[in-house]
Amino acid sequence: MSKQDLKEKVVLIAGGGKNLGGLLSRTFAKRGAKVAIHFNSESTKADAEQTLSDIQAAGGTAFLFQADLTRVENIKKLFSQAKASLGGIDIAINTVGKVLKKPFGETTEDEYDSMFDINAKVAYFFIQEAGKQINDHGKICTIVTSLLAAYTGLYSTYAGAKAPVEDFTRAASKEYGPRGISVTAVGPGPMDTAFFYGQESPEAVEYHKSASALGGLTKIEDIVPLVEFLVTDGWWITGQTIFANGGYTTR
């Protein structure tokens, strides 16, 4: 599936209303795809509605769906309603995540449960439902984190909850491969969005900026072309996690 083949294709994006997800939604719509945009709550509704409005103003087609995806039945509803509204799904991208920066010894059970529900459970059942619902030769991509390749403290539940997604990606790529479906994950470095700044002190922000070999934080504009490539011309890459972080971490 090349970039030129996106006209009339259906792209489903979990967390597709704002930040990286919002730019992905607008980018795929510009390529002619119909976009199913998921957002989580009232706090992100305005951003999701703006993304929808931008797409429609440019002549594109999109569908909005609000739900807490930690409830598996909502993941199933997202896929089924997207298919009912837009047609068969060709590409499924999950950008959903939550970050927590906290010492290991201070993390509560509720915080642990929430982090693993959002970062691991949602990813697992999103990939599962995508495998059931997307068309043959479809594409699945999950956003993880470059902290998977870091040696650091304070992010035990964030990196720890994203880590299983590498195994989910490998397993699903093996199982879905006979249908021509590729499954990948992308690990951005610290991104210049509100998602990042809410957990970091000014001093930590400066450290993260200095830690990348190319300098500065990751921009959402740096990640969109990679995801776009993996779910189009780069479909032959499967079962892998790609780190895109300017040299912030590497393996």
C-alpha atoms as a PDB file:
ATOM      1  CA  MET A   1       0.000   0.000   0.000  1.00  0.00           C
ATOM      2  CA  SER A   2       1.829   3.113  -1.196  1.00  0.00           C
ATOM      3  CA  LYS A   3       1.086   6.669  -0.105  1.00  0.00           C
ATOM      4  CA  GLN A   4      -0.726   7.146  -3.400  1.00  0.00           C
ATOM      5  CA  ASP A   5      -3.024   4.231  -2.601  1.00  0.00           C
ATOM      6  CA  LEU A   6      -4.625   5.859   0.460  1.00  0.00           C
ATOM      7  CA  LYS A   7      -7.610   7.365  -1.341  1.00  0.00           C
ATOM      8  CA  GLU A   8     -10.781   5.787   0.065  1.00  0.00           C
ATOM      9  CA  LYS A   9      -8.772   3.667   2.523  1.00  0.00           C
ATOM     10  CA  VAL A  10      -9.949   3.692   6.134  1.00  0.00           C
ATOM     11  CA  VAL A  11      -7.518   4.592   8.915  1.00  0.00           C
ATOM     12  CA  LEU A  12      -8.519   4.158  12.577  1.00  0.00           C
ATOM     13  CA  ILE A  13      -6.483   6.135  15.107  1.00  0.00           C
ATOM     14  CA  ALA A  14      -6.875   5.621  18.853  1.00  0.00           C
ATOM     15  CA  GLY A  15      -6.059   8.905  20.556  1.00  0.00           C
ATOM     16  CA  GLY A  16      -6.423  10.582  17.175  1.00  0.00           C
ATOM     17  CA  GLY A  17      -7.827  13.888  18.352  1.00  0.00           C
ATOM     18  CA  LYS A  18      -4.773  15.863  19.467  1.00  0.00           C
ATOM     19  CA  ASN A  19      -0.980  16.075  19.543  1.00  0.00           C
ATOM     20  CA  LEU A  20       0.631  13.226  17.559  1.00  0.00           C
ATOM     21  CA  GLY A  21      -2.690  11.484  16.994  1.00  0.00           C
ATOM     22  CA  GLY A  22      -4.285  14.659  15.706  1.00  0.00           C
ATOM     23  CA  LEU A  23      -1.490  15.293  13.215  1.00  0.00           C
ATOM     24  CA  LEU A  24      -1.704  11.680  12.057  1.00  0.00           C
ATOM     25  CA  SER A  25      -5.460  12.067  11.536  1.00  0.00           C
ATOM     26  CA  ARG A  26      -5.041  15.232   9.469  1.00  0.00           C
ATOM     27  CA  THR A  27      -2.129  13.793   7.494  1.00  0.00           C
ATOM     28  CA  PHE A  28      -3.943  10.616   6.456  1.00  0.00           C
ATOM     29  CA  ALA A  29      -7.051  12.625   5.579  1.00  0.00           C
ATOM     30  CA  LYS A  30      -4.954  14.845   3.295  1.00  0.00           C
ATOM     31  CA  ARG A  31      -3.794  11.672   1.540  1.00  0.00           C
ATOM     32  CA  GLY A  32      -7.403  10.852   0.775  1.00  0.00           C
ATOM     33  CA  ALA A  33      -8.065   8.324   3.537  1.00  0.00           C
ATOM     34  CA  LYS A  34     -11.235   8.251   5.592  1.00  0.00           C
ATOM     35  CA  VAL A  35     -10.290   8.573   9.265  1.00  0.00           C
ATOM     36  CA  ALA A  36     -11.893   7.157  12.411  1.00  0.00           C
ATOM     37  CA  ILE A  37     -10.783   9.425  15.262  1.00  0.00           C
ATOM     38  CA  HIS A  38     -10.974   8.113  18.816  1.00  0.00           C
ATOM     39  CA  PHE A  39     -10.691  10.388  21.841  1.00  0.00           C
ATOM     40  CA  ASN A  40     -10.907   9.463  25.504  1.00  0.00           C
ATOM     41  CA  SER A  41     -12.876  12.018  27.455  1.00  0.00           C
ATOM     42  CA  GLU A  42     -14.535  15.421  27.666  1.00  0.00           C
ATOM     43  CA  SER A  43     -11.120  16.951  28.367  1.00  0.00           C
ATOM     44  CA  THR A  44      -9.966  16.083  24.838  1.00  0.00           C
ATOM     45  CA  LYS A  45     -13.310  16.516  23.084  1.00  0.00           C
ATOM     46  CA  ALA A  46     -12.658  20.075  21.900  1.00  0.00           C
ATOM     47  CA  ASP A  47      -9.334  19.069  20.322  1.00  0.00           C
ATOM     48  CA  ALA A  48     -10.928  16.060  18.629  1.00  0.00           C
ATOM     49  CA  GLU A  49     -13.767  18.181  17.288  1.00  0.00           C
ATOM     50  CA  GLN A  50     -11.253  20.695  15.935  1.00  0.00           C
ATOM     51  CA  THR A  51      -9.346  17.916  14.180  1.00  0.00           C
ATOM     52  CA  LEU A  52     -12.605  16.664  12.688  1.00  0.00           C
ATOM     53  CA  SER A  53     -13.516  20.192  11.588  1.00  0.00           C
ATOM     54  CA  ASP A  54     -10.096  20.695   9.971  1.00  0.00           C
ATOM     55  CA  ILE A  55     -10.469  17.460   8.018  1.00  0.00           C
ATOM     56  CA  GLN A  56     -13.985  18.248   6.880  1.00  0.00           C
ATOM     57  CA  ALA A  57     -13.051  21.813   5.918  1.00  0.00           C
ATOM     58  CA  ALA A  58     -10.362  20.361   3.658  1.00  0.00           C
ATOM     59  CA  GLY A  59     -12.931  18.083   2.007  1.00  0.00           C
ATOM     60  CA  GLY A  60     -12.033  14.946   3.934  1.00  0.00           C
ATOM     61  CA  THR A  61     -14.175  12.324   5.647  1.00  0.00           C
ATOM     62  CA  ALA A  62     -13.826  11.463   9.331  1.00  0.00           C
ATOM     63  CA  PHE A  63     -15.736   9.892  12.204  1.00  0.00           C
ATOM     64  CA  LEU A  64     -15.478  10.693  15.934  1.00  0.00           C
ATOM     65  CA  PHE A  65     -15.747   8.107  18.704  1.00  0.00           C
ATOM     66  CA  GLN A  66     -15.394   8.838  22.427  1.00  0.00           C
ATOM     67  CA  ALA A  67     -14.607   6.022  24.848  1.00  0.00           C
ATOM     68  CA  ASP A  68     -12.390   4.784  27.657  1.00  0.00           C
ATOM     69  CA  LEU A  69     -10.468   2.018  25.882  1.00  0.00           C
ATOM     70  CA  THR A  70      -9.382   0.356  29.126  1.00  0.00           C
ATOM     71  CA  ARG A  71     -12.805  -1.293  28.845  1.00  0.00           C
ATOM     72  CA  VAL A  72     -12.324  -3.919  26.160  1.00  0.00           C
ATOM     73  CA  GLU A  73     -15.920  -3.712  25.010  1.00  0.00           C
ATOM     74  CA  ASN A  74     -15.225  -0.107  23.995  1.00  0.00           C
ATOM     75  CA  ILE A  75     -12.355  -1.182  21.767  1.00  0.00           C
ATOM     76  CA  LYS A  76     -14.724  -3.589  20.052  1.00  0.00           C
ATOM     77  CA  LYS A  77     -17.316  -0.827  19.660  1.00  0.00           C
ATOM     78  CA  LEU A  78     -14.696   1.534  18.219  1.00  0.00           C
ATOM     79  CA  PHE A  79     -13.821  -0.903  15.450  1.00  0.00           C
ATOM     80  CA  SER A  80     -17.389  -1.959  14.746  1.00  0.00           C
ATOM     81  CA  GLN A  81     -18.738   1.597  14.604  1.00  0.00           C
ATOM     82  CA  ALA A  82     -15.833   2.761  12.457  1.00  0.00           C
ATOM     83  CA  LYS A  83     -16.572  -0.027   9.986  1.00  0.00           C
ATOM     84  CA  ALA A  84     -20.260   0.788   9.998  1.00  0.00           C
ATOM     85  CA  SER A  85     -19.570   4.485   9.378  1.00  0.00           C
ATOM     86  CA  LEU A  86     -16.605   4.368   7.000  1.00  0.00           C
ATOM     87  CA  GLY A  87     -16.269   0.826   5.655  1.00  0.00           C
ATOM     88  CA  GLY A  88     -13.609  -1.862   6.065  1.00  0.00           C
ATOM     89  CA  ILE A  89     -10.561  -0.773   8.076  1.00  0.00           C
ATOM     90  CA  ASP A  90      -7.159  -0.859   6.364  1.00  0.00           C
ATOM     91  CA  ILE A  91      -4.856   0.745   8.938  1.00  0.00           C
ATOM     92  CA  ALA A  92      -5.116   0.794  12.754  1.00  0.00           C
ATOM     93  CA  ILE A  93      -2.830   3.041  14.800  1.00  0.00           C
ATOM     94  CA  ASN A  94      -2.800   3.275  18.602  1.00  0.00           C
ATOM     95  CA  THR A  95      -1.295   6.434  20.097  1.00  0.00           C
ATOM     96  CA  VAL A  96      -2.945   6.029  23.521  1.00  0.00           C
ATOM     97  CA  GLY A  97      -0.631   6.366  26.503  1.00  0.00           C
ATOM     98  CA  LYS A  98      -0.127   7.815  29.943  1.00  0.00           C
ATOM     99  CA  VAL A  99       3.135   8.861  31.559  1.00  0.00           C
ATOM    100  CA  LEU A 100       4.001   8.862  35.260  1.00  0.00           C
ATOM    101  CA  LYS A 101       7.322  10.033  36.656  1.00  0.00           C
ATOM    102  CA  LYS A 102       7.585   8.858  40.232  1.00  0.00           C
ATOM    103  CA  PRO A 103      10.048   7.026  42.484  1.00  0.00           C
ATOM    104  CA  PHE A 104       9.582   3.260  42.594  1.00  0.00           C
ATOM    105  CA  GLY A 105       8.965   3.245  46.332  1.00  0.00           C
ATOM    106  CA  GLU A 106       6.248   5.901  46.161  1.00  0.00           C
ATOM    107  CA  THR A 107       4.099   4.389  43.398  1.00  0.00           C
ATOM    108  CA  THR A 108       0.670   3.296  44.592  1.00  0.00           C
ATOM    109  CA  GLU A 109      -1.280   0.225  43.561  1.00  0.00           C
ATOM    110  CA  ASP A 110      -3.914   2.401  41.907  1.00  0.00           C
ATOM    111  CA  GLU A 111      -1.241   4.207  39.893  1.00  0.00           C
ATOM    112  CA  TYR A 112       0.285   0.908  38.835  1.00  0.00           C
ATOM    113  CA  ASP A 113      -3.091  -0.472  37.758  1.00  0.00           C
ATOM    114  CA  SER A 114      -3.951   2.672  35.812  1.00  0.00           C
ATOM    115  CA  MET A 115      -0.592   2.765  34.016  1.00  0.00           C
ATOM    116  CA  PHE A 116      -0.759  -0.870  32.959  1.00  0.00           C
ATOM    117  CA  ASP A 117      -4.412  -0.602  31.952  1.00  0.00           C
ATOM    118  CA  ILE A 118      -3.738   2.357  29.656  1.00  0.00           C
ATOM    119  CA  ASN A 119      -0.311   1.462  28.292  1.00  0.00           C
ATOM    120  CA  ALA A 120      -0.385  -2.345  28.133  1.00  0.00           C
ATOM    121  CA  LYS A 121      -3.971  -3.594  28.319  1.00  0.00           C
ATOM    122  CA  VAL A 122      -5.307  -1.121  25.757  1.00  0.00           C
ATOM    123  CA  ALA A 123      -2.412  -1.928  23.425  1.00  0.00           C
ATOM    124  CA  TYR A 124      -2.988  -5.673  23.701  1.00  0.00           C
ATOM    125  CA  PHE A 125      -6.701  -5.634  23.028  1.00  0.00           C
ATOM    126  CA  PHE A 126      -6.378  -2.947  20.353  1.00  0.00           C
ATOM    127  CA  ILE A 127      -3.959  -5.176  18.444  1.00  0.00           C
ATOM    128  CA  GLN A 128      -6.235  -8.151  19.089  1.00  0.00           C
ATOM    129  CA  GLU A 129      -9.333  -6.430  17.746  1.00  0.00           C
ATOM    130  CA  ALA A 130      -7.413  -4.938  14.839  1.00  0.00           C
ATOM    131  CA  GLY A 131      -6.347  -8.446  13.872  1.00  0.00           C
ATOM    132  CA  LYS A 132      -9.971  -9.519  13.852  1.00  0.00           C
ATOM    133  CA  GLN A 133     -11.406  -6.480  12.089  1.00  0.00           C
ATOM    134  CA  ILE A 134      -8.951  -4.994   9.601  1.00  0.00           C
ATOM    135  CA  ASN A 135      -8.807  -6.058   5.985  1.00  0.00           C
ATOM    136  CA  ASP A 136      -6.239  -8.528   4.691  1.00  0.00           C
ATOM    137  CA  HIS A 137      -2.944  -6.734   3.922  1.00  0.00           C
ATOM    138  CA  GLY A 138      -3.822  -4.200   6.598  1.00  0.00           C
ATOM    139  CA  LYS A 139      -1.357  -2.443   8.876  1.00  0.00           C
ATOM    140  CA  ILE A 140      -1.173  -2.054  12.675  1.00  0.00           C
ATOM    141  CA  CYS A 141       1.142   0.361  14.500  1.00  0.00           C
ATOM    142  CA  THR A 142       1.455   1.219  18.209  1.00  0.00           C
ATOM    143  CA  ILE A 143       3.226   4.214  19.734  1.00  0.00           C
ATOM    144  CA  VAL A 144       5.500   3.184  22.614  1.00  0.00           C
ATOM    145  CA  THR A 145       8.507   5.070  24.079  1.00  0.00           C
ATOM    146  CA  SER A 146      12.255   5.333  23.609  1.00  0.00           C
ATOM    147  CA  LEU A 147      12.578   4.808  27.358  1.00  0.00           C
ATOM    148  CA  LEU A 148      12.396   1.085  26.502  1.00  0.00           C
ATOM    149  CA  ALA A 149      16.056   1.442  25.558  1.00  0.00           C
ATOM    150  CA  ALA A 150      17.005   3.662  28.512  1.00  0.00           C
ATOM    151  CA  TYR A 151      18.749   2.869  31.786  1.00  0.00           C
ATOM    152  CA  THR A 152      16.976   5.206  34.166  1.00  0.00           C
ATOM    153  CA  GLY A 153      14.807   5.416  37.228  1.00  0.00           C
ATOM    154  CA  LEU A 154      11.524   7.220  37.942  1.00  0.00           C
ATOM    155  CA  TYR A 155       9.628   5.847  34.911  1.00  0.00           C
ATOM    156  CA  SER A 156       9.152   2.279  36.139  1.00  0.00           C
ATOM    157  CA  THR A 157       5.426   2.121  35.451  1.00  0.00           C
ATOM    158  CA  TYR A 158       5.581   4.041  32.162  1.00  0.00           C
ATOM    159  CA  ALA A 159       8.444   2.184  30.504  1.00  0.00           C
ATOM    160  CA  GLY A 160       7.422  -0.995  32.318  1.00  0.00           C
ATOM    161  CA  ALA A 161       3.877  -0.849  30.975  1.00  0.00           C
ATOM    162  CA  LYS A 162       5.011  -0.024  27.439  1.00  0.00           C
ATOM    163  CA  ALA A 163       7.630  -2.798  27.395  1.00  0.00           C
ATOM    164  CA  PRO A 164       5.150  -5.668  26.845  1.00  0.00           C
ATOM    165  CA  VAL A 165       3.981  -3.996  23.635  1.00  0.00           C
ATOM    166  CA  GLU A 166       7.212  -5.125  21.955  1.00  0.00           C
ATOM    167  CA  ASP A 167       6.236  -8.729  22.636  1.00  0.00           C
ATOM    168  CA  PHE A 168       2.637  -8.096  21.612  1.00  0.00           C
ATOM    169  CA  THR A 169       3.961  -6.667  18.347  1.00  0.00           C
ATOM    170  CA  ARG A 170       6.214  -9.636  17.629  1.00  0.00           C
ATOM    171  CA  ALA A 171       3.564 -12.216  18.470  1.00  0.00           C
ATOM    172  CA  ALA A 172       0.824 -10.504  16.480  1.00  0.00           C
ATOM    173  CA  SER A 173       3.095 -10.043  13.458  1.00  0.00           C
ATOM    174  CA  LYS A 174       3.732 -13.793  13.402  1.00  0.00           C
ATOM    175  CA  GLU A 175       0.078 -14.688  13.777  1.00  0.00           C
ATOM    176  CA  TYR A 176      -1.273 -12.078  11.365  1.00  0.00           C
ATOM    177  CA  GLY A 177       1.511 -12.403   8.809  1.00  0.00           C
ATOM    178  CA  PRO A 178      -0.228 -15.088   6.703  1.00  0.00           C
ATOM    179  CA  ARG A 179      -2.926 -12.480   5.964  1.00  0.00           C
ATOM    180  CA  GLY A 180      -0.331  -9.975   4.788  1.00  0.00           C
ATOM    181  CA  ILE A 181      -0.815  -7.789   7.866  1.00  0.00           C
ATOM    182  CA  SER A 182       2.256  -5.969   9.204  1.00  0.00           C
ATOM    183  CA  VAL A 183       2.503  -5.048  12.894  1.00  0.00           C
ATOM    184  CA  THR A 184       5.003  -2.490  14.190  1.00  0.00           C
ATOM    185  CA  ALA A 185       5.709  -0.187  17.118  1.00  0.00           C
ATOM    186  CA  VAL A 186       7.360   3.232  17.137  1.00  0.00           C
ATOM    187  CA  GLY A 187       9.258   4.607  20.140  1.00  0.00           C
ATOM    188  CA  PRO A 188       9.556   8.410  20.024  1.00  0.00           C
ATOM    189  CA  GLY A 189      11.885  10.312  22.274  1.00  0.00           C
ATOM    190  CA  PRO A 190      10.452  12.854  24.736  1.00  0.00           C
ATOM    191  CA  MET A 191       7.989  14.789  22.589  1.00  0.00           C
ATOM    192  CA  ASP A 192       7.416  18.519  22.652  1.00  0.00           C
ATOM    193  CA  THR A 193       3.763  18.239  23.748  1.00  0.00           C
ATOM    194  CA  ALA A 194       1.760  18.771  26.928  1.00  0.00           C
ATOM    195  CA  PHE A 195       1.906  14.983  27.432  1.00  0.00           C
ATOM    196  CA  PHE A 196       5.619  15.417  28.247  1.00  0.00           C
ATOM    197  CA  TYR A 197       5.745  18.697  30.140  1.00  0.00           C
ATOM    198  CA  GLY A 198       3.160  17.718  32.739  1.00  0.00           C
ATOM    199  CA  GLN A 199       5.595  15.316  34.392  1.00  0.00           C
ATOM    200  CA  GLU A 200       8.874  17.205  34.076  1.00  0.00           C
ATOM    201  CA  SER A 201      10.593  20.025  35.958  1.00  0.00           C
ATOM    202  CA  PRO A 202      12.305  22.780  33.928  1.00  0.00           C
ATOM    203  CA  GLU A 203      15.678  21.240  34.800  1.00  0.00           C
ATOM    204  CA  ALA A 204      14.574  17.816  33.582  1.00  0.00           C
ATOM    205  CA  VAL A 205      13.262  19.329  30.350  1.00  0.00           C
ATOM    206  CA  GLU A 206      16.673  20.856  29.692  1.00  0.00           C
ATOM    207  CA  TYR A 207      18.341  17.513  30.396  1.00  0.00           C
ATOM    208  CA  HIS A 208      16.075  15.673  27.975  1.00  0.00           C
ATOM    209  CA  LYS A 209      16.775  18.300  25.312  1.00  0.00           C
ATOM    210  CA  SER A 210      20.530  17.830  25.760  1.00  0.00           C
ATOM    211  CA  ALA A 211      20.389  14.028  25.830  1.00  0.00           C
ATOM    212  CA  SER A 212      19.628  13.527  22.133  1.00  0.00           C
ATOM    213  CA  ALA A 213      22.591  13.384  19.777  1.00  0.00           C
ATOM    214  CA  LEU A 214      20.848  15.663  17.285  1.00  0.00           C
ATOM    215  CA  GLY A 215      19.729  18.082  20.012  1.00  0.00           C
ATOM    216  CA  GLY A 216      16.290  19.001  21.314  1.00  0.00           C
ATOM    217  CA  LEU A 217      13.042  17.204  21.902  1.00  0.00           C
ATOM    218  CA  THR A 218      11.208  15.010  19.422  1.00  0.00           C
ATOM    219  CA  LYS A 219       8.572  16.863  17.398  1.00  0.00           C
ATOM    220  CA  ILE A 220       5.319  15.209  16.394  1.00  0.00           C
ATOM    221  CA  GLU A 221       6.273  16.195  12.849  1.00  0.00           C
ATOM    222  CA  ASP A 222       9.322  13.906  13.191  1.00  0.00           C
ATOM    223  CA  ILE A 223       7.164  10.871  13.989  1.00  0.00           C
ATOM    224  CA  VAL A 224       4.293  11.200  11.531  1.00  0.00           C
ATOM    225  CA  PRO A 225       6.380  10.445   8.403  1.00  0.00           C
ATOM    226  CA  LEU A 226       7.781   7.293  10.011  1.00  0.00           C
ATOM    227  CA  VAL A 227       4.357   5.963  10.993  1.00  0.00           C
ATOM    228  CA  GLU A 228       3.048   6.893   7.559  1.00  0.00           C
ATOM    229  CA  PHE A 229       5.915   4.955   5.949  1.00  0.00           C
ATOM    230  CA  LEU A 230       5.440   1.864   8.118  1.00  0.00           C
ATOM    231  CA  VAL A 231       1.750   1.588   7.232  1.00  0.00           C
ATOM    232  CA  THR A 232       2.276   2.215   3.506  1.00  0.00           C
ATOM    233  CA  ASP A 233       5.482   1.644   1.542  1.00  0.00           C
ATOM    234  CA  GLY A 234       7.332   0.265   4.586  1.00  0.00           C
ATOM    235  CA  TRP A 235       4.872  -2.546   5.233  1.00  0.00           C
ATOM    236  CA  TRP A 236       7.645  -5.146   4.755  1.00  0.00           C
ATOM    237  CA  ILE A 237       8.983  -4.069   8.157  1.00  0.00           C
ATOM    238  CA  THR A 238       7.015  -6.099  10.698  1.00  0.00           C
ATOM    239  CA  GLY A 239       7.380  -7.388  14.244  1.00  0.00           C
ATOM    240  CA  GLN A 240       9.796  -4.607  15.132  1.00  0.00           C
ATOM    241  CA  THR A 241       9.994  -1.564  17.373  1.00  0.00           C
ATOM    242  CA  ILE A 242      11.602   1.433  15.661  1.00  0.00           C
ATOM    243  CA  PHE A 243      13.182   4.115  17.844  1.00  0.00           C
ATOM    244  CA  ALA A 244      12.851   7.637  16.434  1.00  0.00           C
ATOM    245  CA  ASN A 245      14.413  10.027  18.908  1.00  0.00           C
ATOM    246  CA  GLY A 246      17.362  11.951  17.464  1.00  0.00           C
ATOM    247  CA  GLY A 247      19.792   9.687  19.270  1.00  0.00           C
ATOM    248  CA  TYR A 248      18.197   9.989  22.705  1.00  0.00           C
ATOM    249  CA  THR A 249      18.456   6.218  23.250  1.00  0.00           C
ATOM    250  CA  THR A 250      19.486   3.332  21.019  1.00  0.00           C
ATOM    251  CA  ARG A 251      20.086  -0.402  21.049  1.00  0.00           C
END
